[in-house]
Amino acid sequence: MYRNKPEKVLLAWSGGKDSMLALHVLQADPHYETVALLTTLAQEYRRISHHGVRERLLEQQAATLGLPLEHSITHKSVPVDSGRADVTQVIENTGPICPVGI
């Protein structure tokens, strides 16, 4: 339901075109305010886990979009769920938000 204030959104960001499209849709809708981008980086490679986008490019994307960047570090030798606690911590630290991913 629409309220006077837009719902704050933390967007799951892979660095790819689908993430950009999701951001575009959210920014065009007055019901939502995207407050930050959230991604996971593989510690060994410093790349986004999903697409292999380098950390430096990720930082440039966030800066160009004017959005803060939140990330969690994963380890290739540890199960994928190991990063869930980091992501949960980021969400808790960001405040009352609605995490969105595609």
N, C-alpha and C. Protein backbone atom coordinates (compact mmCIF):
# COMPACT_ATOMS: atom_id res chain seq x y z
N MET A 1 0.84 -1.19 0.00
CA MET A 1 0.00 0.00 0.00
C MET A 1 0.88 1.24 0.00
N TYR A 2 0.51 2.22 -0.79
CA TYR A 2 1.29 3.44 -0.90
C TYR A 2 1.09 4.30 0.34
N ARG A 3 2.20 4.79 0.86
CA ARG A 3 2.18 5.71 1.98
C ARG A 3 2.73 7.05 1.51
N ASN A 4 2.72 8.03 2.39
CA ASN A 4 3.27 9.33 2.02
C ASN A 4 4.76 9.24 1.71
N LYS A 5 5.47 8.44 2.49
CA LYS A 5 6.91 8.28 2.27
C LYS A 5 7.14 7.02 1.46
N PRO A 6 8.08 7.08 0.51
CA PRO A 6 8.37 5.87 -0.26
C PRO A 6 9.05 4.82 0.61
N GLU A 7 8.82 3.56 0.27
CA GLU A 7 9.46 2.46 0.99
C GLU A 7 10.93 2.40 0.59
N LYS A 8 11.81 2.32 1.59
CA LYS A 8 13.24 2.26 1.33
C LYS A 8 13.62 0.86 0.88
N VAL A 9 14.45 0.81 -0.17
CA VAL A 9 14.81 -0.46 -0.80
C VAL A 9 16.33 -0.61 -0.83
N LEU A 10 16.80 -1.80 -0.49
CA LEU A 10 18.19 -2.20 -0.66
C LEU A 10 18.19 -3.16 -1.85
N LEU A 11 18.79 -2.76 -2.96
CA LEU A 11 18.71 -3.55 -4.18
C LEU A 11 19.87 -4.53 -4.29
N ALA A 12 19.56 -5.81 -4.46
CA ALA A 12 20.58 -6.82 -4.72
C ALA A 12 21.17 -6.53 -6.10
N TRP A 13 22.49 -6.32 -6.16
CA TRP A 13 23.15 -5.83 -7.36
C TRP A 13 24.18 -6.83 -7.86
N SER A 14 24.04 -7.25 -9.11
CA SER A 14 25.01 -8.17 -9.70
C SER A 14 25.97 -7.47 -10.64
N GLY A 15 25.68 -6.22 -10.95
CA GLY A 15 26.52 -5.47 -11.87
C GLY A 15 26.13 -5.65 -13.33
N GLY A 16 25.11 -6.46 -13.58
CA GLY A 16 24.68 -6.72 -14.96
C GLY A 16 23.49 -5.87 -15.39
N LYS A 17 23.07 -6.10 -16.62
CA LYS A 17 21.98 -5.28 -17.18
C LYS A 17 20.64 -5.52 -16.49
N ASP A 18 20.40 -6.73 -15.98
CA ASP A 18 19.14 -6.98 -15.28
C ASP A 18 19.05 -6.16 -13.99
N SER A 19 20.18 -6.02 -13.30
CA SER A 19 20.20 -5.18 -12.10
C SER A 19 19.93 -3.73 -12.46
N MET A 20 20.51 -3.28 -13.55
CA MET A 20 20.29 -1.89 -13.99
C MET A 20 18.83 -1.66 -14.34
N LEU A 21 18.23 -2.63 -15.02
CA LEU A 21 16.81 -2.52 -15.36
C LEU A 21 15.95 -2.47 -14.10
N ALA A 22 16.27 -3.32 -13.12
CA ALA A 22 15.52 -3.30 -11.87
C ALA A 22 15.65 -1.95 -11.17
N LEU A 23 16.85 -1.40 -11.16
CA LEU A 23 17.06 -0.08 -10.56
C LEU A 23 16.25 0.98 -11.30
N HIS A 24 16.27 0.93 -12.61
CA HIS A 24 15.52 1.89 -13.41
C HIS A 24 14.02 1.84 -13.06
N VAL A 25 13.48 0.63 -12.96
CA VAL A 25 12.06 0.46 -12.63
C VAL A 25 11.77 1.01 -11.24
N LEU A 26 12.64 0.70 -10.27
CA LEU A 26 12.43 1.20 -8.91
C LEU A 26 12.51 2.72 -8.85
N GLN A 27 13.47 3.29 -9.54
CA GLN A 27 13.63 4.75 -9.50
C GLN A 27 12.49 5.48 -10.20
N ALA A 28 11.82 4.81 -11.12
CA ALA A 28 10.70 5.43 -11.81
C ALA A 28 9.40 5.35 -11.02
N ASP A 29 9.40 4.56 -9.95
CA ASP A 29 8.19 4.34 -9.15
C ASP A 29 8.27 5.16 -7.86
N PRO A 30 7.36 6.10 -7.66
CA PRO A 30 7.42 6.95 -6.46
C PRO A 30 7.15 6.21 -5.15
N HIS A 31 6.74 4.96 -5.24
CA HIS A 31 6.48 4.17 -4.04
C HIS A 31 7.76 3.68 -3.38
N TYR A 32 8.89 3.77 -4.11
CA TYR A 32 10.15 3.20 -3.62
C TYR A 32 11.29 4.21 -3.69
N GLU A 33 12.21 4.07 -2.74
CA GLU A 33 13.45 4.85 -2.73
C GLU A 33 14.61 3.86 -2.56
N THR A 34 15.43 3.72 -3.58
CA THR A 34 16.58 2.83 -3.49
C THR A 34 17.65 3.54 -2.67
N VAL A 35 18.02 2.94 -1.53
CA VAL A 35 18.97 3.59 -0.61
C VAL A 35 20.39 3.06 -0.74
N ALA A 36 20.56 1.87 -1.33
CA ALA A 36 21.90 1.31 -1.49
C ALA A 36 21.85 0.09 -2.41
N LEU A 37 23.02 -0.26 -2.90
CA LEU A 37 23.19 -1.48 -3.69
C LEU A 37 23.87 -2.51 -2.79
N LEU A 38 23.46 -3.77 -2.93
CA LEU A 38 24.02 -4.85 -2.12
C LEU A 38 24.54 -5.94 -3.03
N THR A 39 25.76 -6.40 -2.80
CA THR A 39 26.33 -7.47 -3.61
C THR A 39 27.25 -8.33 -2.75
N THR A 40 27.69 -9.43 -3.33
CA THR A 40 28.69 -10.28 -2.67
C THR A 40 29.93 -10.32 -3.55
N LEU A 41 31.08 -10.30 -2.90
CA LEU A 41 32.35 -10.38 -3.60
C LEU A 41 33.09 -11.64 -3.18
N ALA A 42 33.68 -12.32 -4.14
CA ALA A 42 34.52 -13.47 -3.82
C ALA A 42 35.85 -12.94 -3.31
N GLN A 43 36.23 -13.33 -2.11
CA GLN A 43 37.45 -12.81 -1.49
C GLN A 43 38.69 -13.09 -2.34
N GLU A 44 38.78 -14.27 -2.89
CA GLU A 44 39.98 -14.67 -3.62
C GLU A 44 40.19 -13.85 -4.89
N TYR A 45 39.11 -13.39 -5.51
CA TYR A 45 39.22 -12.71 -6.80
C TYR A 45 38.80 -11.26 -6.77
N ARG A 46 38.13 -10.84 -5.68
CA ARG A 46 37.59 -9.48 -5.55
C ARG A 46 36.71 -9.14 -6.75
N ARG A 47 35.84 -10.08 -7.06
CA ARG A 47 34.86 -9.92 -8.14
C ARG A 47 33.48 -10.26 -7.60
N ILE A 48 32.45 -9.69 -8.25
CA ILE A 48 31.08 -10.03 -7.89
C ILE A 48 30.88 -11.52 -8.16
N SER A 49 30.31 -12.20 -7.20
CA SER A 49 30.15 -13.65 -7.28
C SER A 49 29.34 -14.10 -8.48
N HIS A 50 28.34 -13.35 -8.89
CA HIS A 50 27.43 -13.80 -9.94
C HIS A 50 27.98 -13.66 -11.35
N HIS A 51 28.60 -12.52 -11.65
CA HIS A 51 29.02 -12.25 -13.03
C HIS A 51 30.53 -12.07 -13.19
N GLY A 52 31.25 -12.08 -12.11
CA GLY A 52 32.69 -11.88 -12.22
C GLY A 52 33.11 -10.44 -12.46
N VAL A 53 32.21 -9.49 -12.22
CA VAL A 53 32.53 -8.08 -12.40
C VAL A 53 33.56 -7.68 -11.34
N ARG A 54 34.61 -7.01 -11.76
CA ARG A 54 35.68 -6.60 -10.84
C ARG A 54 35.17 -5.59 -9.81
N GLU A 55 35.77 -5.65 -8.63
CA GLU A 55 35.37 -4.76 -7.54
C GLU A 55 35.50 -3.29 -7.93
N ARG A 56 36.54 -2.94 -8.65
CA ARG A 56 36.73 -1.54 -9.06
C ARG A 56 35.59 -1.06 -9.95
N LEU A 57 35.16 -1.91 -10.88
CA LEU A 57 34.04 -1.55 -11.75
C LEU A 57 32.75 -1.42 -10.93
N LEU A 58 32.56 -2.30 -9.98
CA LEU A 58 31.40 -2.22 -9.08
C LEU A 58 31.38 -0.88 -8.36
N GLU A 59 32.54 -0.48 -7.84
CA GLU A 59 32.63 0.80 -7.14
C GLU A 59 32.32 1.97 -8.08
N GLN A 60 32.80 1.88 -9.32
CA GLN A 60 32.52 2.92 -10.31
C GLN A 60 31.03 2.98 -10.65
N GLN A 61 30.40 1.79 -10.77
CA GLN A 61 28.96 1.76 -11.04
C GLN A 61 28.20 2.47 -9.93
N ALA A 62 28.48 2.12 -8.68
CA ALA A 62 27.78 2.72 -7.54
C ALA A 62 28.01 4.23 -7.49
N ALA A 63 29.25 4.65 -7.71
CA ALA A 63 29.55 6.09 -7.68
C ALA A 63 28.81 6.83 -8.79
N THR A 64 28.80 6.25 -9.98
CA THR A 64 28.10 6.88 -11.11
C THR A 64 26.61 6.98 -10.84
N LEU A 65 26.05 5.96 -10.19
CA LEU A 65 24.62 5.94 -9.89
C LEU A 65 24.28 6.80 -8.67
N GLY A 66 25.31 7.21 -7.93
CA GLY A 66 25.09 8.04 -6.74
C GLY A 66 24.46 7.27 -5.58
N LEU A 67 24.77 5.98 -5.52
CA LEU A 67 24.20 5.14 -4.45
C LEU A 67 25.31 4.53 -3.62
N PRO A 68 25.08 4.40 -2.31
CA PRO A 68 26.05 3.71 -1.47
C PRO A 68 26.14 2.24 -1.86
N LEU A 69 27.28 1.65 -1.61
CA LEU A 69 27.51 0.25 -1.93
C LEU A 69 27.74 -0.54 -0.64
N GLU A 70 26.97 -1.59 -0.47
CA GLU A 70 27.14 -2.51 0.65
C GLU A 70 27.53 -3.85 0.06
N HIS A 71 28.47 -4.53 0.69
CA HIS A 71 28.84 -5.84 0.16
C HIS A 71 29.23 -6.81 1.27
N SER A 72 29.16 -8.06 0.90
CA SER A 72 29.55 -9.15 1.78
C SER A 72 30.64 -9.92 1.05
N ILE A 73 31.60 -10.43 1.78
CA ILE A 73 32.70 -11.18 1.20
C ILE A 73 32.42 -12.67 1.37
N THR A 74 32.55 -13.41 0.27
CA THR A 74 32.38 -14.86 0.34
C THR A 74 33.73 -15.52 0.04
N HIS A 75 33.83 -16.77 0.40
CA HIS A 75 35.05 -17.54 0.20
C HIS A 75 34.72 -18.74 -0.67
N LYS A 76 35.52 -19.00 -1.68
CA LYS A 76 35.21 -20.09 -2.61
C LYS A 76 35.22 -21.45 -1.93
N SER A 77 35.97 -21.60 -0.83
CA SER A 77 36.07 -22.89 -0.17
C SER A 77 34.99 -23.08 0.90
N VAL A 78 34.15 -22.09 1.07
CA VAL A 78 33.11 -22.15 2.10
C VAL A 78 31.75 -22.17 1.40
N PRO A 79 30.76 -22.91 1.93
CA PRO A 79 29.44 -22.96 1.29
C PRO A 79 28.84 -21.58 1.07
N VAL A 80 28.03 -21.46 0.02
CA VAL A 80 27.40 -20.19 -0.36
C VAL A 80 26.64 -19.57 0.81
N ASP A 81 25.98 -20.38 1.61
CA ASP A 81 25.19 -19.84 2.72
C ASP A 81 26.04 -19.12 3.76
N SER A 82 27.35 -19.27 3.71
CA SER A 82 28.21 -18.63 4.70
C SER A 82 28.12 -17.11 4.63
N GLY A 83 27.82 -16.56 3.47
CA GLY A 83 27.71 -15.11 3.33
C GLY A 83 26.38 -14.56 3.80
N ARG A 84 25.45 -15.44 4.09
CA ARG A 84 24.11 -15.00 4.50
C ARG A 84 24.16 -14.14 5.77
N ALA A 85 25.01 -14.50 6.72
CA ALA A 85 25.10 -13.72 7.97
C ALA A 85 25.59 -12.31 7.68
N ASP A 86 26.57 -12.16 6.78
CA ASP A 86 27.07 -10.83 6.41
C ASP A 86 25.97 -10.00 5.77
N VAL A 87 25.22 -10.60 4.87
CA VAL A 87 24.13 -9.89 4.19
C VAL A 87 23.07 -9.49 5.19
N THR A 88 22.73 -10.39 6.10
CA THR A 88 21.75 -10.08 7.14
C THR A 88 22.23 -8.90 7.98
N GLN A 89 23.51 -8.87 8.31
CA GLN A 89 24.07 -7.76 9.09
C GLN A 89 23.96 -6.44 8.33
N VAL A 90 24.25 -6.46 7.04
CA VAL A 90 24.13 -5.25 6.22
C VAL A 90 22.69 -4.75 6.24
N ILE A 91 21.75 -5.66 6.07
CA ILE A 91 20.33 -5.28 6.07
C ILE A 91 19.94 -4.69 7.41
N GLU A 92 20.38 -5.29 8.50
CA GLU A 92 20.06 -4.78 9.83
C GLU A 92 20.67 -3.40 10.06
N ASN A 93 21.89 -3.18 9.57
CA ASN A 93 22.58 -1.89 9.75
C ASN A 93 21.99 -0.78 8.90
N THR A 94 21.34 -1.14 7.81
CA THR A 94 20.79 -0.14 6.89
C THR A 94 19.50 0.47 7.43
N GLY A 95 18.84 -0.21 8.33
CA GLY A 95 17.61 0.30 8.90
C GLY A 95 16.39 -0.33 8.27
N PRO A 96 15.22 0.26 8.49
CA PRO A 96 13.98 -0.33 7.98
C PRO A 96 13.92 -0.21 6.45
N ILE A 97 14.19 -1.31 5.81
CA ILE A 97 14.21 -1.33 4.35
C ILE A 97 13.57 -2.60 3.84
N CYS A 98 13.32 -2.61 2.57
CA CYS A 98 12.79 -3.78 1.91
C CYS A 98 13.85 -4.29 0.94
N PRO A 99 14.54 -5.40 1.27
CA PRO A 99 15.54 -5.91 0.33
C PRO A 99 14.87 -6.38 -0.94
N VAL A 100 15.40 -6.02 -2.09
CA VAL A 100 14.84 -6.42 -3.38
C VAL A 100 15.93 -7.03 -4.22
N GLY A 101 15.62 -8.14 -4.86
CA GLY A 101 16.56 -8.76 -5.79
C GLY A 101 15.80 -9.31 -6.98
N ILE A 102 16.53 -9.59 -8.05
CA ILE A 102 15.88 -10.16 -9.23
C ILE A 102 16.52 -11.48 -9.56
